[in-house]
Amino acid sequence: EDAGTATARAYFTVLQAVPELPLQIIAAGRYRD
């Protein structure tokens, strides 16, 4: 708070569904923000 800065870590999972592809996970990884 004093410096007015922050860091964040998180996981992401990306799902997608299109006519040629049934709903599924297409990517997973990490964010470092």
ModelCIF file with pLDDT and N, C-alpha, C, O atoms, coordinates in Angstrom:
data_MODEL
#
_entry.id   MODEL 
#
_entity.id                         1 
_entity.type                       polymer 
_entity.pdbx_number_of_molecules   1 
#
_entity_poly.entity_id                      1 
_entity_poly.type                           'polypeptide(L)' 
_entity_poly.nstd_linkage                   no 
_entity_poly.nstd_monomer                   no 
_entity_poly.pdbx_seq_one_letter_code       EDAGTATARAYFTVLQAVPELPLQIIAAGRYRD 
_entity_poly.pdbx_seq_one_letter_code_can   EDAGTATARAYFTVLQAVPELPLQIIAAGRYRD 
_entity_poly.pdbx_strand_id                 A 
#
loop_
_entity_poly_seq.entity_id 
_entity_poly_seq.num 
_entity_poly_seq.mon_id 
_entity_poly_seq.hetero 
1 1  GLU n 
1 2  ASP n 
1 3  ALA n 
1 4  GLY n 
1 5  THR n 
1 6  ALA n 
1 7  THR n 
1 8  ALA n 
1 9  ARG n 
1 10 ALA n 
1 11 TYR n 
1 12 PHE n 
1 13 THR n 
1 14 VAL n 
1 15 LEU n 
1 16 GLN n 
1 17 ALA n 
1 18 VAL n 
1 19 PRO n 
1 20 GLU n 
1 21 LEU n 
1 22 PRO n 
1 23 LEU n 
1 24 GLN n 
1 25 ILE n 
1 26 ILE n 
1 27 ALA n 
1 28 ALA n 
1 29 GLY n 
1 30 ARG n 
1 31 TYR n 
1 32 ARG n 
1 33 ASP n 
#
_struct_asym.id          A 
_struct_asym.entity_id   1 
#
loop_
_ma_qa_metric.id 
_ma_qa_metric.mode 
_ma_qa_metric.name 
_ma_qa_metric.software_group_id 
_ma_qa_metric.type 
1 global pLDDT . pLDDT 
2 local  pLDDT . pLDDT 
#
_ma_qa_metric_global.metric_id      1 
_ma_qa_metric_global.metric_value   97.15 
_ma_qa_metric_global.model_id       1 
_ma_qa_metric_global.ordinal_id     1 
#
loop_
_ma_qa_metric_local.label_asym_id 
_ma_qa_metric_local.label_comp_id 
_ma_qa_metric_local.label_seq_id 
_ma_qa_metric_local.metric_id 
_ma_qa_metric_local.metric_value 
_ma_qa_metric_local.model_id 
_ma_qa_metric_local.ordinal_id 
A GLU 1  2 97.00 1 1  
A ASP 2  2 97.00 1 2  
A ALA 3  2 98.00 1 3  
A GLY 4  2 97.00 1 4  
A THR 5  2 98.00 1 5  
A ALA 6  2 98.00 1 6  
A THR 7  2 98.00 1 7  
A ALA 8  2 98.00 1 8  
A ARG 9  2 98.00 1 9  
A ALA 10 2 98.00 1 10 
A TYR 11 2 98.00 1 11 
A PHE 12 2 98.00 1 12 
A THR 13 2 98.00 1 13 
A VAL 14 2 98.00 1 14 
A LEU 15 2 98.00 1 15 
A GLN 16 2 98.00 1 16 
A ALA 17 2 97.00 1 17 
A VAL 18 2 97.00 1 18 
A PRO 19 2 93.00 1 19 
A GLU 20 2 92.00 1 20 
A LEU 21 2 92.00 1 21 
A PRO 22 2 95.00 1 22 
A LEU 23 2 97.00 1 23 
A GLN 24 2 97.00 1 24 
A ILE 25 2 98.00 1 25 
A ILE 26 2 98.00 1 26 
A ALA 27 2 97.00 1 27 
A ALA 28 2 98.00 1 28 
A GLY 29 2 98.00 1 29 
A ARG 30 2 98.00 1 30 
A TYR 31 2 98.00 1 31 
A ARG 32 2 98.00 1 32 
A ASP 33 2 98.00 1 33 
#
loop_
_atom_site.group_PDB 
_atom_site.id 
_atom_site.type_symbol 
_atom_site.label_atom_id 
_atom_site.label_alt_id 
_atom_site.label_comp_id 
_atom_site.label_asym_id 
_atom_site.label_entity_id 
_atom_site.label_seq_id 
_atom_site.pdbx_PDB_ins_code 
_atom_site.Cartn_x 
_atom_site.Cartn_y 
_atom_site.Cartn_z 
_atom_site.occupancy 
_atom_site.B_iso_or_equiv 
_atom_site.pdbx_formal_charge 
_atom_site.auth_seq_id 
_atom_site.auth_comp_id 
_atom_site.auth_asym_id 
_atom_site.auth_atom_id 
_atom_site.pdbx_PDB_model_num 
ATOM 1   N N  . GLU A 1 1  ? 0.828   -1.219  0.000   1.00 97.00 ? 1  GLU A N  1 
ATOM 2   C CA . GLU A 1 1  ? 0.000   0.000   0.000   1.00 97.00 ? 1  GLU A CA 1 
ATOM 3   C C  . GLU A 1 1  ? 0.855   1.258   0.000   1.00 97.00 ? 1  GLU A C  1 
ATOM 4   O O  . GLU A 1 1  ? 0.530   2.228   -0.686  1.00 97.00 ? 1  GLU A O  1 
ATOM 5   N N  . ASP A 1 2  ? 1.949   1.253   0.765   1.00 97.00 ? 2  ASP A N  1 
ATOM 6   C CA . ASP A 1 2  ? 2.792   2.455   0.860   1.00 97.00 ? 2  ASP A CA 1 
ATOM 7   C C  . ASP A 1 2  ? 3.443   2.789   -0.478  1.00 97.00 ? 2  ASP A C  1 
ATOM 8   O O  . ASP A 1 2  ? 3.526   3.955   -0.864  1.00 97.00 ? 2  ASP A O  1 
ATOM 9   N N  . ALA A 1 3  ? 3.902   1.762   -1.178  1.00 98.00 ? 3  ALA A N  1 
ATOM 10  C CA . ALA A 1 3  ? 4.559   1.991   -2.474  1.00 98.00 ? 3  ALA A CA 1 
ATOM 11  C C  . ALA A 1 3  ? 3.563   2.153   -3.609  1.00 98.00 ? 3  ALA A C  1 
ATOM 12  O O  . ALA A 1 3  ? 3.916   2.658   -4.675  1.00 98.00 ? 3  ALA A O  1 
ATOM 13  N N  . GLY A 1 4  ? 2.313   1.729   -3.393  1.00 97.00 ? 4  GLY A N  1 
ATOM 14  C CA . GLY A 1 4  ? 1.321   1.788   -4.460  1.00 97.00 ? 4  GLY A CA 1 
ATOM 15  C C  . GLY A 1 4  ? 1.601   0.780   -5.560  1.00 97.00 ? 4  GLY A C  1 
ATOM 16  O O  . GLY A 1 4  ? 1.351   1.043   -6.736  1.00 97.00 ? 4  GLY A O  1 
ATOM 17  N N  . THR A 1 5  ? 2.128   -0.394  -5.163  1.00 98.00 ? 5  THR A N  1 
ATOM 18  C CA . THR A 1 5  ? 2.428   -1.447  -6.121  1.00 98.00 ? 5  THR A CA 1 
ATOM 19  C C  . THR A 1 5  ? 1.842   -2.765  -5.618  1.00 98.00 ? 5  THR A C  1 
ATOM 20  O O  . THR A 1 5  ? 1.540   -2.919  -4.435  1.00 98.00 ? 5  THR A O  1 
ATOM 21  N N  . ALA A 1 6  ? 1.691   -3.704  -6.537  1.00 98.00 ? 6  ALA A N  1 
ATOM 22  C CA . ALA A 1 6  ? 1.174   -5.021  -6.173  1.00 98.00 ? 6  ALA A CA 1 
ATOM 23  C C  . ALA A 1 6  ? 1.634   -6.037  -7.205  1.00 98.00 ? 6  ALA A C  1 
ATOM 24  O O  . ALA A 1 6  ? 1.952   -5.705  -8.347  1.00 98.00 ? 6  ALA A O  1 
ATOM 25  N N  . THR A 1 7  ? 1.658   -7.286  -6.761  1.00 98.00 ? 7  THR A N  1 
ATOM 26  C CA . THR A 1 7  ? 1.905   -8.401  -7.658  1.00 98.00 ? 7  THR A CA 1 
ATOM 27  C C  . THR A 1 7  ? 0.767   -9.392  -7.487  1.00 98.00 ? 7  THR A C  1 
ATOM 28  O O  . THR A 1 7  ? 0.121   -9.445  -6.440  1.00 98.00 ? 7  THR A O  1 
ATOM 29  N N  . ALA A 1 8  ? 0.535   -10.171 -8.528  1.00 98.00 ? 8  ALA A N  1 
ATOM 30  C CA . ALA A 1 8  ? -0.494  -11.209 -8.456  1.00 98.00 ? 8  ALA A CA 1 
ATOM 31  C C  . ALA A 1 8  ? -0.021  -12.418 -9.241  1.00 98.00 ? 8  ALA A C  1 
ATOM 32  O O  . ALA A 1 8  ? 0.640   -12.304 -10.273 1.00 98.00 ? 8  ALA A O  1 
ATOM 33  N N  . ARG A 1 9  ? -0.379  -13.571 -8.718  1.00 98.00 ? 9  ARG A N  1 
ATOM 34  C CA . ARG A 1 9  ? -0.148  -14.829 -9.412  1.00 98.00 ? 9  ARG A CA 1 
ATOM 35  C C  . ARG A 1 9  ? -1.481  -15.538 -9.499  1.00 98.00 ? 9  ARG A C  1 
ATOM 36  O O  . ARG A 1 9  ? -2.308  -15.441 -8.593  1.00 98.00 ? 9  ARG A O  1 
ATOM 37  N N  . ALA A 1 10 ? -1.685  -16.252 -10.592 1.00 98.00 ? 10 ALA A N  1 
ATOM 38  C CA . ALA A 1 10 ? -2.936  -16.991 -10.760 1.00 98.00 ? 10 ALA A CA 1 
ATOM 39  C C  . ALA A 1 10 ? -2.725  -18.077 -11.803 1.00 98.00 ? 10 ALA A C  1 
ATOM 40  O O  . ALA A 1 10 ? -1.779  -18.040 -12.590 1.00 98.00 ? 10 ALA A O  1 
ATOM 41  N N  . TYR A 1 11 ? -3.629  -19.041 -11.784 1.00 98.00 ? 11 TYR A N  1 
ATOM 42  C CA . TYR A 1 11 ? -3.693  -20.043 -12.836 1.00 98.00 ? 11 TYR A CA 1 
ATOM 43  C C  . TYR A 1 11 ? -4.776  -19.634 -13.816 1.00 98.00 ? 11 TYR A C  1 
ATOM 44  O O  . TYR A 1 11 ? -5.750  -18.983 -13.439 1.00 98.00 ? 11 TYR A O  1 
ATOM 45  N N  . PHE A 1 12 ? -4.605  -20.019 -15.083 1.00 98.00 ? 12 PHE A N  1 
ATOM 46  C CA . PHE A 1 12 ? -5.689  -19.854 -16.047 1.00 98.00 ? 12 PHE A CA 1 
ATOM 47  C C  . PHE A 1 12 ? -5.948  -21.168 -16.758 1.00 98.00 ? 12 PHE A C  1 
ATOM 48  O O  . PHE A 1 12 ? -5.039  -21.965 -16.994 1.00 98.00 ? 12 PHE A O  1 
ATOM 49  N N  . THR A 1 13 ? -7.199  -21.369 -17.088 1.00 98.00 ? 13 THR A N  1 
ATOM 50  C CA . THR A 1 13 ? -7.641  -22.490 -17.899 1.00 98.00 ? 13 THR A CA 1 
ATOM 51  C C  . THR A 1 13 ? -8.536  -21.909 -18.975 1.00 98.00 ? 13 THR A C  1 
ATOM 52  O O  . THR A 1 13 ? -9.464  -21.161 -18.668 1.00 98.00 ? 13 THR A O  1 
ATOM 53  N N  . VAL A 1 14 ? -8.274  -22.240 -20.228 1.00 98.00 ? 14 VAL A N  1 
ATOM 54  C CA . VAL A 1 14 ? -9.065  -21.716 -21.336 1.00 98.00 ? 14 VAL A CA 1 
ATOM 55  C C  . VAL A 1 14 ? -9.862  -22.863 -21.947 1.00 98.00 ? 14 VAL A C  1 
ATOM 56  O O  . VAL A 1 14 ? -9.306  -23.873 -22.378 1.00 98.00 ? 14 VAL A O  1 
ATOM 57  N N  . LEU A 1 15 ? -11.168 -22.679 -21.972 1.00 98.00 ? 15 LEU A N  1 
ATOM 58  C CA . LEU A 1 15 ? -12.065 -23.647 -22.610 1.00 98.00 ? 15 LEU A CA 1 
ATOM 59  C C  . LEU A 1 15 ? -12.553 -23.057 -23.918 1.00 98.00 ? 15 LEU A C  1 
ATOM 60  O O  . LEU A 1 15 ? -12.658 -21.839 -24.056 1.00 98.00 ? 15 LEU A O  1 
ATOM 61  N N  . GLN A 1 16 ? -12.852 -23.923 -24.880 1.00 98.00 ? 16 GLN A N  1 
ATOM 62  C CA . GLN A 1 16 ? -13.387 -23.462 -26.156 1.00 98.00 ? 16 GLN A CA 1 
ATOM 63  C C  . GLN A 1 16 ? -14.348 -24.504 -26.711 1.00 98.00 ? 16 GLN A C  1 
ATOM 64  O O  . GLN A 1 16 ? -14.171 -25.708 -26.526 1.00 98.00 ? 16 GLN A O  1 
ATOM 65  N N  . ALA A 1 17 ? -15.370 -24.003 -27.399 1.00 97.00 ? 17 ALA A N  1 
ATOM 66  C CA . ALA A 1 17 ? -16.299 -24.866 -28.133 1.00 97.00 ? 17 ALA A CA 1 
ATOM 67  C C  . ALA A 1 17 ? -16.650 -24.165 -29.437 1.00 97.00 ? 17 ALA A C  1 
ATOM 68  O O  . ALA A 1 17 ? -17.098 -23.018 -29.439 1.00 97.00 ? 17 ALA A O  1 
ATOM 69  N N  . VAL A 1 18 ? -16.441 -24.867 -30.539 1.00 97.00 ? 18 VAL A N  1 
ATOM 70  C CA . VAL A 1 18 ? -16.815 -24.390 -31.874 1.00 97.00 ? 18 VAL A CA 1 
ATOM 71  C C  . VAL A 1 18 ? -17.460 -25.572 -32.594 1.00 97.00 ? 18 VAL A C  1 
ATOM 72  O O  . VAL A 1 18 ? -17.349 -26.704 -32.122 1.00 97.00 ? 18 VAL A O  1 
ATOM 73  N N  . PRO A 1 19 ? -18.132 -25.340 -33.726 1.00 93.00 ? 19 PRO A N  1 
ATOM 74  C CA . PRO A 1 19 ? -18.778 -26.474 -34.400 1.00 93.00 ? 19 PRO A CA 1 
ATOM 75  C C  . PRO A 1 19 ? -17.832 -27.643 -34.689 1.00 93.00 ? 19 PRO A C  1 
ATOM 76  O O  . PRO A 1 19 ? -18.246 -28.801 -34.645 1.00 93.00 ? 19 PRO A O  1 
ATOM 77  N N  . GLU A 1 20 ? -16.560 -27.340 -34.984 1.00 92.00 ? 20 GLU A N  1 
ATOM 78  C CA . GLU A 1 20 ? -15.593 -28.393 -35.307 1.00 92.00 ? 20 GLU A CA 1 
ATOM 79  C C  . GLU A 1 20 ? -14.941 -29.006 -34.068 1.00 92.00 ? 20 GLU A C  1 
ATOM 80  O O  . GLU A 1 20 ? -14.191 -29.975 -34.183 1.00 92.00 ? 20 GLU A O  1 
ATOM 81  N N  . LEU A 1 21 ? -15.215 -28.458 -32.895 1.00 92.00 ? 21 LEU A N  1 
ATOM 82  C CA . LEU A 1 21 ? -14.521 -28.869 -31.679 1.00 92.00 ? 21 LEU A CA 1 
ATOM 83  C C  . LEU A 1 21 ? -15.492 -28.854 -30.508 1.00 92.00 ? 21 LEU A C  1 
ATOM 84  O O  . LEU A 1 21 ? -16.004 -27.793 -30.153 1.00 92.00 ? 21 LEU A O  1 
ATOM 85  N N  . PRO A 1 22 ? -15.759 -30.015 -29.897 1.00 95.00 ? 22 PRO A N  1 
ATOM 86  C CA . PRO A 1 22 ? -16.639 -30.004 -28.729 1.00 95.00 ? 22 PRO A CA 1 
ATOM 87  C C  . PRO A 1 22 ? -15.965 -29.266 -27.577 1.00 95.00 ? 22 PRO A C  1 
ATOM 88  O O  . PRO A 1 22 ? -14.747 -29.087 -27.575 1.00 95.00 ? 22 PRO A O  1 
ATOM 89  N N  . LEU A 1 23 ? -16.741 -28.850 -26.620 1.00 97.00 ? 23 LEU A N  1 
ATOM 90  C CA . LEU A 1 23 ? -16.218 -28.133 -25.466 1.00 97.00 ? 23 LEU A CA 1 
ATOM 91  C C  . LEU A 1 23 ? -15.056 -28.902 -24.848 1.00 97.00 ? 23 LEU A C  1 
ATOM 92  O O  . LEU A 1 23 ? -15.177 -30.079 -24.505 1.00 97.00 ? 23 LEU A O  1 
ATOM 93  N N  . GLN A 1 24 ? -13.918 -28.203 -24.714 1.00 97.00 ? 24 GLN A N  1 
ATOM 94  C CA . GLN A 1 24 ? -12.748 -28.822 -24.106 1.00 97.00 ? 24 GLN A CA 1 
ATOM 95  C C  . GLN A 1 24 ? -11.765 -27.760 -23.661 1.00 97.00 ? 24 GLN A C  1 
ATOM 96  O O  . GLN A 1 24 ? -11.835 -26.604 -24.079 1.00 97.00 ? 24 GLN A O  1 
ATOM 97  N N  . ILE A 1 25 ? -10.851 -28.176 -22.804 1.00 98.00 ? 25 ILE A N  1 
ATOM 98  C CA . ILE A 1 25 ? -9.763  -27.296 -22.373 1.00 98.00 ? 25 ILE A CA 1 
ATOM 99  C C  . ILE A 1 25 ? -8.740  -27.240 -23.494 1.00 98.00 ? 25 ILE A C  1 
ATOM 100 O O  . ILE A 1 25 ? -8.293  -28.273 -23.993 1.00 98.00 ? 25 ILE A O  1 
ATOM 101 N N  . ILE A 1 26 ? -8.367  -26.013 -23.891 1.00 98.00 ? 26 ILE A N  1 
ATOM 102 C CA . ILE A 1 26 ? -7.377  -25.866 -24.957 1.00 98.00 ? 26 ILE A CA 1 
ATOM 103 C C  . ILE A 1 26 ? -6.035  -25.344 -24.448 1.00 98.00 ? 26 ILE A C  1 
ATOM 104 O O  . ILE A 1 26 ? -5.022  -25.459 -25.139 1.00 98.00 ? 26 ILE A O  1 
ATOM 105 N N  . ALA A 1 27 ? -6.024  -24.769 -23.238 1.00 97.00 ? 27 ALA A N  1 
ATOM 106 C CA . ALA A 1 27 ? -4.757  -24.273 -22.681 1.00 97.00 ? 27 ALA A CA 1 
ATOM 107 C C  . ALA A 1 27 ? -4.900  -24.089 -21.174 1.00 97.00 ? 27 ALA A C  1 
ATOM 108 O O  . ALA A 1 27 ? -5.988  -23.841 -20.654 1.00 97.00 ? 27 ALA A O  1 
ATOM 109 N N  . ALA A 1 28 ? -3.770  -24.218 -20.497 1.00 98.00 ? 28 ALA A N  1 
ATOM 110 C CA . ALA A 1 28 ? -3.712  -23.944 -19.061 1.00 98.00 ? 28 ALA A CA 1 
ATOM 111 C C  . ALA A 1 28 ? -2.325  -23.429 -18.745 1.00 98.00 ? 28 ALA A C  1 
ATOM 112 O O  . ALA A 1 28 ? -1.340  -23.827 -19.368 1.00 98.00 ? 28 ALA A O  1 
ATOM 113 N N  . GLY A 1 29 ? -2.259  -22.544 -17.774 1.00 98.00 ? 29 GLY A N  1 
ATOM 114 C CA . GLY A 1 29 ? -0.960  -21.987 -17.414 1.00 98.00 ? 29 GLY A CA 1 
ATOM 115 C C  . GLY A 1 29 ? -1.055  -21.047 -16.245 1.00 98.00 ? 29 GLY A C  1 
ATOM 116 O O  . GLY A 1 29 ? -1.936  -21.162 -15.392 1.00 98.00 ? 29 GLY A O  1 
ATOM 117 N N  . ARG A 1 30 ? -0.117  -20.098 -16.221 1.00 98.00 ? 30 ARG A N  1 
ATOM 118 C CA . ARG A 1 30 ? 0.006   -19.163 -15.097 1.00 98.00 ? 30 ARG A CA 1 
ATOM 119 C C  . ARG A 1 30 ? 0.063   -17.718 -15.584 1.00 98.00 ? 30 ARG A C  1 
ATOM 120 O O  . ARG A 1 30 ? 0.575   -17.418 -16.663 1.00 98.00 ? 30 ARG A O  1 
ATOM 121 N N  . TYR A 1 31 ? -0.471  -16.854 -14.764 1.00 98.00 ? 31 TYR A N  1 
ATOM 122 C CA . TYR A 1 31 ? -0.296  -15.411 -14.924 1.00 98.00 ? 31 TYR A CA 1 
ATOM 123 C C  . TYR A 1 31 ? 0.657   -14.930 -13.841 1.00 98.00 ? 31 TYR A C  1 
ATOM 124 O O  . TYR A 1 31 ? 0.616   -15.398 -12.703 1.00 98.00 ? 31 TYR A O  1 
ATOM 125 N N  . ARG A 1 32 ? 1.511   -13.994 -14.211 1.00 98.00 ? 32 ARG A N  1 
ATOM 126 C CA . ARG A 1 32 ? 2.362   -13.264 -13.274 1.00 98.00 ? 32 ARG A CA 1 
ATOM 127 C C  . ARG A 1 32 ? 2.148   -11.795 -13.613 1.00 98.00 ? 32 ARG A C  1 
ATOM 128 O O  . ARG A 1 32 ? 2.601   -11.325 -14.656 1.00 98.00 ? 32 ARG A O  1 
ATOM 129 N N  . ASP A 1 33 ? 1.470   -11.083 -12.752 1.00 98.00 ? 33 ASP A N  1 
ATOM 130 C CA . ASP A 1 33 ? 1.059   -9.710  -13.051 1.00 98.00 ? 33 ASP A CA 1 
ATOM 131 C C  . ASP A 1 33 ? 1.656   -8.726  -12.060 1.00 98.00 ? 33 ASP A C  1 
ATOM 132 O O  . ASP A 1 33 ? 1.415   -7.524  -12.162 1.00 98.00 ? 33 ASP A O  1 
#
